[in-house]
Amino acid sequence: MSEPVRSEHERSLTETARRVLPAGNFGNGATDIIIAEGQGGHVRDVSGNDYIDYLLGSGPMFAGHAHPEVVAAVQAQIPLGSTFFVNNEAGILLAEAIVDAMACADKVRFVSTGSEADLYAMRVARAYRKRDKILKFEGAYHGMSDYGLMSLAPKQLSNFPTAVPDSPGIPRSLSDEMLVAPFNDTAMAVGLIEEHHDSLGGVIVEPFQRLIPPKPGFLEALRKVTADHGIPLIFDEVVTGFRFAYGGAQAHYGVTPDICSLGKIIGGGFPLAAVAGREEIMVHFDRAKVGDEGFLMQVGTLSGNPIAAAAGLATLNILKRPGTYEGVYGTGQALMDGFRKILKDSGIKAQVVGQPTLFDVIFTDGEVSDYRSTLRADTAMAKRVNGRLRQAGILKGESKFYISLAHTEDDVAKTIAAFAAAIAPERRG
């Protein structure tokens, strides 16, 4: 495989990025590629190289890049104004669509990013419960807030439930406000919630943690123990919302939380996220009903802006059509099956982990059920394979294949062939 040809213009832009941006990027990863456009399931860099895109902007482009209906909705709104800081029709209709789709949602509050959505989900749970501590699961990503960056990817493993900050600049005192449990360990998670129930303001969980599915009964056990003690259960559905099913992971797994955070898909590629939840919890955003003492202030200049709301509403209208999810699940399953056959034939210790709309290859032969089990993976091999895929025109993140409605059978065939070639140098002799 040879490196894609880089134009002088792209090389110049890369040098400018290194001069004006920390690490030469926006904080999101690769510095060696500059994307100029996206169409359907493909993107093209400024040098004209085409890639089958499984990064999808880190997930929001579930319907594909520049979907004609999303583009039309945005183009119709732009001449009418971009933001008003008060209610707009598209935002109201999008909130209605979310309430109709998500089992936990009686009310919706818009924000602009998934990090904000997770932050406010935890804050409104604490406001409702009148307790300070939040229990999360080791390895779970809940945005970039101080709370979210506790025990996301700890380099030094601590004894549960001690939380470890993953970034400098986080106050040490915050460690005392977060409790950490291992994902998929039902007995320990339930035990910690039982032990600390009187101090917990909420429990937050990715129902599908990064790439790891919940074991049977795990989410149900969290639902039962939190309900028994009146503790709000928060599903972080920024990634899974409208991706696993139109009703999100809560519909897919049949477990309804009290609150969920949403992002990515609901903005159709524009900055928009949301907190959704039960009436008695969401009422804390309404000063007229809870008074000054119970009121949770939340203001965002672009929250629910009409361009993002129009794009999100158009995206959800696409997803509601019959056969949509069957199609995208079929695409993802074909890729997963193809990768599994190649890995089996290669004799390499690896497994395909996830589900058809979101998965990756983890280079280990042991069970992958929580954060600590992922640490056994051969990350150097993964980096080599991902590098070869990029050379072959396959764009993905370090640890995910996001599947879109726009990926085609031809894309699947080319990706499987590229994966076989990328794996070949790693085969056992």
Protein backbone atom coordinates (compact mmCIF):
# COMPACT_ATOMS: atom_id res chain seq x y z
CA MET A 1 0.00 0.00 0.00
CA SER A 2 1.25 3.49 -0.77
CA GLU A 3 0.49 6.74 1.02
CA PRO A 4 -2.19 8.93 -0.63
CA VAL A 5 -0.61 11.74 -2.63
CA ARG A 6 -0.58 15.06 -0.75
CA SER A 7 -0.83 18.30 -2.71
CA GLU A 8 1.30 21.34 -2.01
CA HIS A 9 -1.86 23.09 -0.80
CA GLU A 10 -2.55 20.38 1.78
CA ARG A 11 1.06 20.37 2.96
CA SER A 12 0.88 24.15 3.37
CA LEU A 13 -2.36 23.93 5.35
CA THR A 14 -0.83 21.23 7.56
CA GLU A 15 2.14 23.48 8.34
CA THR A 16 -0.22 26.36 9.14
CA ALA A 17 -2.20 24.09 11.46
CA ARG A 18 0.96 23.10 13.30
CA ARG A 19 1.82 26.76 13.73
CA VAL A 20 -1.55 28.01 15.00
CA LEU A 21 -3.21 24.97 16.64
CA PRO A 22 -1.99 23.04 19.72
CA ALA A 23 -0.72 19.67 18.43
CA GLY A 24 -1.67 20.88 14.96
CA ASN A 25 -5.32 19.88 15.26
CA PHE A 26 -8.71 20.69 16.78
CA GLY A 27 -8.14 18.25 19.63
CA ASN A 28 -9.91 15.47 17.77
CA GLY A 29 -7.04 13.37 16.49
CA ALA A 30 -5.30 13.09 13.14
CA THR A 31 -3.11 15.92 11.86
CA ASP A 32 -2.18 14.22 8.59
CA ILE A 33 -5.48 14.66 6.76
CA ILE A 34 -7.56 17.73 5.92
CA ILE A 35 -11.07 17.00 4.68
CA ALA A 36 -12.58 19.22 2.01
CA GLU A 37 -15.98 17.62 1.43
CA GLY A 38 -18.24 14.70 2.21
CA GLN A 39 -20.94 13.00 0.16
CA GLY A 40 -22.94 10.02 1.38
CA GLY A 41 -20.57 7.49 2.92
CA HIS A 42 -17.41 9.06 1.50
CA VAL A 43 -15.17 12.06 2.19
CA ARG A 44 -12.50 13.69 0.06
CA ASP A 45 -9.41 15.48 1.32
CA VAL A 46 -8.08 18.77 -0.06
CA SER A 47 -5.62 16.83 -2.24
CA GLY A 48 -8.50 15.00 -3.92
CA ASN A 49 -8.05 11.59 -2.25
CA ASP A 50 -11.31 9.71 -1.66
CA TYR A 51 -12.03 7.71 1.51
CA ILE A 52 -14.85 5.44 2.57
CA ASP A 53 -15.80 7.19 5.77
CA TYR A 54 -16.40 5.22 8.96
CA LEU A 55 -15.50 8.16 11.17
CA LEU A 56 -18.67 10.06 10.19
CA GLY A 57 -17.59 13.18 12.07
CA SER A 58 -17.34 10.98 15.18
CA GLY A 59 -20.82 9.68 14.62
CA PRO A 60 -23.35 12.41 13.83
CA MET A 61 -23.53 11.77 10.08
CA PHE A 62 -25.67 8.66 10.47
CA ALA A 63 -27.73 9.52 7.38
CA GLY A 64 -24.54 10.22 5.42
CA HIS A 65 -22.77 13.43 4.46
CA ALA A 66 -24.76 16.17 2.73
CA HIS A 67 -28.00 14.17 2.63
CA PRO A 68 -30.21 16.07 0.18
CA GLU A 69 -33.13 16.37 2.61
CA VAL A 70 -30.93 17.67 5.41
CA VAL A 71 -29.23 20.12 3.05
CA ALA A 72 -32.62 21.35 1.82
CA ALA A 73 -33.88 21.88 5.38
CA VAL A 74 -30.79 23.88 6.31
CA GLN A 75 -30.86 25.92 3.10
CA ALA A 76 -34.50 26.79 3.74
CA GLN A 77 -33.68 28.06 7.23
CA ILE A 78 -30.46 30.01 6.60
CA PRO A 79 -32.08 32.97 4.80
CA LEU A 80 -34.54 33.26 7.69
CA GLY A 81 -31.87 33.65 10.36
CA SER A 82 -29.36 31.51 12.20
CA THR A 83 -30.21 32.01 15.87
CA PHE A 84 -32.58 34.08 18.01
CA PHE A 85 -31.99 33.12 21.68
CA VAL A 86 -35.72 32.47 22.05
CA ASN A 87 -38.02 29.66 20.90
CA ASN A 88 -38.17 28.74 17.23
CA GLU A 89 -40.45 26.35 15.35
CA ALA A 90 -37.82 23.81 14.31
CA GLY A 91 -36.53 23.50 17.87
CA ILE A 92 -40.02 22.97 19.27
CA LEU A 93 -40.83 20.31 16.68
CA LEU A 94 -37.51 18.56 17.29
CA ALA A 95 -38.21 18.47 21.03
CA GLU A 96 -41.61 16.95 20.27
CA ALA A 97 -39.98 14.29 18.09
CA ILE A 98 -37.52 13.41 20.87
CA VAL A 99 -40.32 13.13 23.44
CA ASP A 100 -42.24 10.85 21.07
CA ALA A 101 -39.17 8.67 20.46
CA MET A 102 -37.48 8.31 23.86
CA ALA A 103 -39.32 6.35 26.54
CA CYS A 104 -37.81 8.36 29.40
CA ALA A 105 -38.55 11.77 27.88
CA ASP A 106 -41.38 13.91 29.15
CA LYS A 107 -39.46 17.15 28.60
CA VAL A 108 -36.34 18.20 26.68
CA ARG A 109 -33.76 20.91 27.34
CA PHE A 110 -31.41 21.75 24.46
CA VAL A 111 -27.70 22.49 24.73
CA SER A 112 -24.99 22.65 22.06
CA THR A 113 -22.65 19.74 22.86
CA GLY A 114 -22.75 16.23 24.26
CA SER A 115 -20.40 17.33 27.03
CA GLU A 116 -22.94 19.91 28.14
CA ALA A 117 -25.76 17.38 27.91
CA ASP A 118 -23.92 14.96 30.22
CA LEU A 119 -22.97 17.76 32.62
CA TYR A 120 -26.57 18.98 32.92
CA ALA A 121 -27.93 15.44 33.16
CA MET A 122 -25.78 14.90 36.25
CA ARG A 123 -26.59 18.34 37.63
CA VAL A 124 -30.36 17.99 37.27
CA ALA A 125 -30.19 14.55 38.90
CA ARG A 126 -28.38 16.10 41.88
CA ALA A 127 -30.89 18.96 42.02
CA TYR A 128 -33.78 16.51 42.09
CA ARG A 129 -32.23 14.07 44.53
CA LYS A 130 -30.62 16.75 46.75
CA ARG A 131 -27.48 14.64 47.03
CA ASP A 132 -24.01 15.42 45.69
CA LYS A 133 -22.34 12.20 44.58
CA ILE A 134 -22.59 10.56 41.16
CA LEU A 135 -21.66 6.94 40.43
CA LYS A 136 -20.18 6.26 37.00
CA PHE A 137 -18.42 3.29 35.40
CA GLU A 138 -14.71 3.02 34.79
CA GLY A 139 -13.82 3.65 31.15
CA ALA A 140 -17.09 5.43 30.35
CA TYR A 141 -16.92 8.69 28.43
CA HIS A 142 -19.34 11.37 29.62
CA GLY A 143 -17.94 14.45 27.94
CA MET A 144 -15.18 16.87 28.84
CA SER A 145 -16.44 18.28 32.13
CA ASP A 146 -14.44 17.75 35.32
CA TYR A 147 -16.98 15.13 36.39
CA GLY A 148 -16.94 13.38 33.02
CA LEU A 149 -13.16 13.06 33.02
CA MET A 150 -13.04 11.02 36.19
CA SER A 151 -11.74 7.48 35.53
CA LEU A 152 -12.28 7.67 31.78
CA ALA A 153 -8.96 6.03 30.94
CA PRO A 154 -6.96 5.88 34.16
CA LYS A 155 -3.27 5.10 33.69
CA GLN A 156 -3.05 3.91 37.28
CA LEU A 157 -5.86 1.61 38.32
CA SER A 158 -7.37 2.35 41.72
CA ASN A 159 -9.53 0.31 44.03
CA PHE A 160 -13.24 0.77 43.41
CA PRO A 161 -15.04 3.09 44.08
CA THR A 162 -12.16 5.63 44.15
CA ALA A 163 -12.29 8.06 41.20
CA VAL A 164 -9.13 9.11 39.37
CA PRO A 165 -8.96 12.40 37.40
CA ASP A 166 -7.79 11.90 33.80
CA SER A 167 -6.61 15.45 33.19
CA PRO A 168 -4.56 18.12 34.92
CA GLY A 169 -6.62 21.10 36.01
CA ILE A 170 -9.35 19.07 37.72
CA PRO A 171 -9.73 19.97 41.42
CA ARG A 172 -8.58 17.16 43.70
CA SER A 173 -11.68 17.65 45.84
CA LEU A 174 -13.85 16.44 42.95
CA SER A 175 -12.60 12.89 43.42
CA ASP A 176 -14.69 12.73 46.57
CA GLU A 177 -17.87 13.55 44.63
CA MET A 178 -17.59 10.69 42.12
CA LEU A 179 -17.82 6.96 42.77
CA VAL A 180 -16.58 4.47 40.18
CA ALA A 181 -17.71 0.91 39.51
CA PRO A 182 -16.65 -1.67 36.89
CA PHE A 183 -18.95 -1.96 33.89
CA ASN A 184 -20.79 -5.28 33.57
CA ASP A 185 -20.00 -6.35 37.15
CA THR A 186 -23.57 -6.50 38.37
CA ALA A 187 -22.79 -7.65 41.90
CA MET A 188 -20.21 -4.93 42.57
CA ALA A 189 -22.24 -2.16 40.94
CA VAL A 190 -25.38 -3.05 42.87
CA GLY A 191 -23.37 -3.46 46.05
CA LEU A 192 -21.78 -0.01 45.72
CA ILE A 193 -25.13 1.62 44.98
CA GLU A 194 -26.68 -0.11 47.99
CA GLU A 195 -23.78 0.92 50.22
CA HIS A 196 -23.77 4.57 49.13
CA HIS A 197 -27.43 5.04 48.26
CA ASP A 198 -28.04 7.79 50.81
CA SER A 199 -25.31 10.03 49.34
CA LEU A 200 -25.93 9.38 45.63
CA GLY A 201 -27.53 12.07 43.49
CA GLY A 202 -27.52 9.82 40.44
CA VAL A 203 -26.00 6.92 38.52
CA ILE A 204 -24.78 7.59 34.99
CA VAL A 205 -23.98 4.83 32.51
CA GLU A 206 -23.35 4.39 28.82
CA PRO A 207 -25.81 1.55 28.17
CA PHE A 208 -23.30 0.40 25.54
CA GLN A 209 -19.94 1.47 26.98
CA ARG A 210 -17.70 2.69 24.17
CA LEU A 211 -17.73 -0.63 22.25
CA ILE A 212 -18.78 -3.00 25.00
CA PRO A 213 -22.35 -4.36 25.10
CA PRO A 214 -24.02 -4.80 28.49
CA LYS A 215 -24.18 -8.35 29.79
CA PRO A 216 -27.70 -9.79 30.10
CA GLY A 217 -29.35 -8.44 33.22
CA PHE A 218 -26.78 -5.70 33.93
CA LEU A 219 -28.87 -2.69 32.89
CA GLU A 220 -31.97 -4.27 34.42
CA ALA A 221 -30.15 -4.61 37.75
CA LEU A 222 -29.08 -0.95 37.65
CA ARG A 223 -32.66 0.04 36.91
CA LYS A 224 -34.01 -1.97 39.84
CA VAL A 225 -31.53 -0.87 42.51
CA THR A 226 -31.75 2.81 41.57
CA ALA A 227 -35.55 2.67 41.48
CA ASP A 228 -35.60 0.94 44.86
CA HIS A 229 -33.72 3.87 46.41
CA GLY A 230 -35.24 6.69 44.37
CA ILE A 231 -31.91 7.46 42.66
CA PRO A 232 -32.13 8.89 39.13
CA LEU A 233 -30.64 6.56 36.53
CA ILE A 234 -29.03 8.42 33.64
CA PHE A 235 -28.37 6.81 30.26
CA ASP A 236 -25.68 8.63 28.30
CA GLU A 237 -27.16 8.20 24.83
CA VAL A 238 -25.08 10.83 23.05
CA VAL A 239 -23.70 8.02 20.88
CA THR A 240 -26.49 5.43 21.01
CA GLY A 241 -29.50 7.74 20.74
CA PHE A 242 -31.27 7.12 17.41
CA ARG A 243 -28.35 4.86 16.37
CA PHE A 244 -29.27 1.55 17.98
CA ALA A 245 -32.97 2.10 17.35
CA TYR A 246 -35.23 5.07 16.72
CA GLY A 247 -35.90 5.00 20.47
CA GLY A 248 -32.22 4.69 21.31
CA ALA A 249 -30.46 2.11 23.47
CA GLN A 250 -33.31 2.30 25.99
CA ALA A 251 -35.62 0.88 23.31
CA HIS A 252 -32.99 -1.53 22.00
CA TYR A 253 -32.32 -3.03 25.44
CA GLY A 254 -35.82 -2.52 26.86
CA VAL A 255 -34.65 -0.60 29.94
CA THR A 256 -35.98 2.90 30.62
CA PRO A 257 -33.83 5.36 32.60
CA ASP A 258 -35.05 8.51 34.36
CA ILE A 259 -32.87 10.85 32.32
CA CYS A 260 -30.92 10.55 29.09
CA SER A 261 -28.40 12.75 27.34
CA LEU A 262 -28.55 13.01 23.55
CA GLY A 263 -26.26 14.45 20.88
CA LYS A 264 -24.57 13.67 17.57
CA ILE A 265 -27.46 12.37 15.41
CA ILE A 266 -30.09 14.78 16.75
CA GLY A 267 -28.17 17.74 15.30
CA GLY A 268 -27.79 16.25 11.82
CA GLY A 269 -24.15 17.36 11.72
CA PHE A 270 -24.69 20.71 13.44
CA PRO A 271 -23.98 21.65 17.09
CA LEU A 272 -26.97 20.48 19.09
CA ALA A 273 -27.48 18.16 22.05
CA ALA A 274 -30.11 17.67 24.72
CA VAL A 275 -31.08 16.43 28.15
CA ALA A 276 -34.38 14.57 28.27
CA GLY A 277 -36.15 13.09 31.24
CA ARG A 278 -39.13 12.58 33.47
CA GLU A 279 -41.36 15.54 34.28
CA GLU A 280 -40.64 15.59 38.02
CA ILE A 281 -36.90 15.83 37.32
CA MET A 282 -36.93 18.20 34.35
CA VAL A 283 -39.16 20.60 36.28
CA HIS A 284 -35.98 21.88 37.95
CA PHE A 285 -35.29 23.82 34.76
CA ASP A 286 -38.55 25.75 35.37
CA ARG A 287 -38.15 28.49 38.01
CA ALA A 288 -41.89 29.23 38.04
CA LYS A 289 -42.64 25.70 39.26
CA VAL A 290 -39.75 25.01 41.67
CA GLY A 291 -38.85 28.48 42.93
CA ASP A 292 -35.40 29.98 43.33
CA GLU A 293 -34.15 27.26 45.67
CA GLY A 294 -34.94 24.39 43.29
CA PHE A 295 -34.21 26.19 40.02
CA LEU A 296 -31.35 24.88 37.86
CA MET A 297 -30.08 27.70 35.69
CA GLN A 298 -29.10 26.69 32.17
CA VAL A 299 -28.42 29.22 29.42
CA GLY A 300 -26.76 28.63 26.05
CA THR A 301 -26.39 31.18 23.27
CA LEU A 302 -26.94 28.62 20.51
CA SER A 303 -29.07 26.08 22.38
CA GLY A 304 -31.81 24.81 20.09
CA ASN A 305 -30.76 27.14 17.27
CA PRO A 306 -33.03 26.76 14.24
CA ILE A 307 -30.37 25.65 11.74
CA ALA A 308 -29.21 22.72 13.86
CA ALA A 309 -32.80 21.91 14.85
CA ALA A 310 -33.90 21.90 11.21
CA ALA A 311 -31.03 19.55 10.31
CA GLY A 312 -31.84 17.29 13.24
CA LEU A 313 -35.55 17.20 12.47
CA ALA A 314 -34.86 16.31 8.83
CA THR A 315 -32.50 13.54 9.96
CA LEU A 316 -35.08 12.03 12.32
CA ASN A 317 -37.70 12.12 9.56
CA ILE A 318 -35.33 10.05 7.41
CA LEU A 319 -34.71 7.57 10.22
CA LYS A 320 -38.42 6.98 10.84
CA ARG A 321 -38.94 5.42 7.42
CA PRO A 322 -39.65 1.68 7.23
CA GLY A 323 -36.59 -0.45 6.62
CA THR A 324 -34.05 2.19 7.64
CA TYR A 325 -32.59 0.35 10.60
CA GLU A 326 -32.82 -3.04 8.93
CA GLY A 327 -30.67 -1.64 6.13
CA VAL A 328 -27.95 -0.10 8.26
CA TYR A 329 -27.82 -3.15 10.54
CA GLY A 330 -27.39 -5.32 7.46
CA THR A 331 -24.47 -3.20 6.27
CA GLY A 332 -22.73 -3.36 9.62
CA GLN A 333 -23.35 -7.08 10.03
CA ALA A 334 -21.82 -7.80 6.63
CA LEU A 335 -18.67 -5.94 7.66
CA MET A 336 -18.49 -7.65 11.04
CA ASP A 337 -18.94 -11.10 9.46
CA GLY A 338 -16.30 -10.35 6.84
CA PHE A 339 -13.79 -9.17 9.44
CA ARG A 340 -14.43 -12.20 11.65
CA LYS A 341 -13.76 -14.61 8.80
CA ILE A 342 -10.50 -12.85 7.91
CA LEU A 343 -9.36 -12.87 11.54
CA LYS A 344 -10.25 -16.54 11.98
CA ASP A 345 -8.35 -17.49 8.84
CA SER A 346 -5.35 -15.39 9.90
CA GLY A 347 -4.87 -17.04 13.28
CA ILE A 348 -4.45 -13.60 14.87
CA LYS A 349 -5.72 -13.16 18.41
CA ALA A 350 -8.51 -10.67 17.82
CA GLN A 351 -12.25 -10.22 17.99
CA VAL A 352 -14.88 -7.94 16.56
CA VAL A 353 -16.54 -6.17 19.47
CA GLY A 354 -19.72 -4.09 19.38
CA GLN A 355 -22.89 -4.24 17.36
CA PRO A 356 -23.63 -3.62 13.68
CA THR A 357 -23.97 0.17 13.79
CA LEU A 358 -20.87 0.66 15.97
CA PHE A 359 -17.98 -1.77 16.39
CA ASP A 360 -14.25 -2.33 16.04
CA VAL A 361 -11.58 -4.99 16.07
CA ILE A 362 -9.81 -5.49 19.41
CA PHE A 363 -6.59 -7.44 19.18
CA THR A 364 -6.91 -9.78 22.14
CA ASP A 365 -8.32 -13.27 22.64
CA GLY A 366 -9.66 -12.66 26.15
CA GLU A 367 -13.19 -11.60 26.99
CA VAL A 368 -13.78 -7.87 26.58
CA SER A 369 -16.42 -6.88 29.09
CA ASP A 370 -15.10 -3.75 30.82
CA TYR A 371 -12.37 -1.11 30.68
CA ARG A 372 -9.69 -3.21 32.35
CA SER A 373 -10.15 -6.09 29.94
CA THR A 374 -9.49 -3.71 27.02
CA LEU A 375 -6.03 -3.00 28.45
CA ARG A 376 -4.91 -6.47 27.33
CA ALA A 377 -5.33 -5.50 23.70
CA ASP A 378 -2.39 -5.14 21.34
CA THR A 379 -2.72 -1.42 20.62
CA ALA A 380 0.45 -1.34 18.52
CA MET A 381 -1.05 -3.88 16.11
CA ALA A 382 -4.30 -1.89 15.99
CA LYS A 383 -2.34 1.24 15.10
CA ARG A 384 -0.52 -0.55 12.29
CA VAL A 385 -3.73 -2.00 10.87
CA ASN A 386 -5.54 1.34 11.08
CA GLY A 387 -2.62 2.99 9.30
CA ARG A 388 -2.81 0.50 6.44
CA LEU A 389 -6.56 1.01 6.19
CA ARG A 390 -6.02 4.75 5.86
CA GLN A 391 -3.49 4.15 3.08
CA ALA A 392 -6.12 2.02 1.32
CA GLY A 393 -8.72 4.78 1.50
CA ILE A 394 -10.61 3.69 4.62
CA LEU A 395 -11.13 6.48 7.17
CA LYS A 396 -11.96 5.45 10.74
CA GLY A 397 -11.19 6.56 14.26
CA GLU A 398 -8.66 4.87 16.48
CA SER A 399 -11.28 2.63 18.02
CA LYS A 400 -14.56 2.67 16.09
CA PHE A 401 -16.28 1.87 12.83
CA TYR A 402 -19.40 4.05 12.65
CA ILE A 403 -21.86 2.74 10.03
CA SER A 404 -24.19 5.03 8.09
CA LEU A 405 -27.31 4.63 5.99
CA ALA A 406 -25.25 5.81 3.02
CA HIS A 407 -22.65 3.02 2.98
CA THR A 408 -23.17 0.70 0.02
CA GLU A 409 -22.51 -2.94 -0.81
CA ASP A 410 -19.55 -1.77 -2.89
CA ASP A 411 -18.19 0.10 0.14
CA VAL A 412 -18.53 -3.08 2.20
CA ALA A 413 -16.72 -5.19 -0.39
CA LYS A 414 -13.86 -2.69 -0.73
CA THR A 415 -13.54 -2.35 3.05
CA ILE A 416 -13.37 -6.11 3.60
CA ALA A 417 -10.70 -6.39 0.90
CA ALA A 418 -8.74 -3.52 2.45
CA PHE A 419 -9.01 -5.13 5.88
CA ALA A 420 -7.70 -8.43 4.53
CA ALA A 421 -4.71 -6.63 3.03
CA ALA A 422 -4.14 -4.67 6.25
CA ILE A 423 -4.18 -7.85 8.32
CA ALA A 424 -1.96 -9.86 5.99
CA PRO A 425 1.40 -8.56 7.32
CA GLU A 426 0.31 -9.56 10.84
CA ARG A 427 -0.48 -13.17 9.97
CA ARG A 428 1.36 -15.87 11.82
CA GLY A 429 4.06 -17.66 9.88
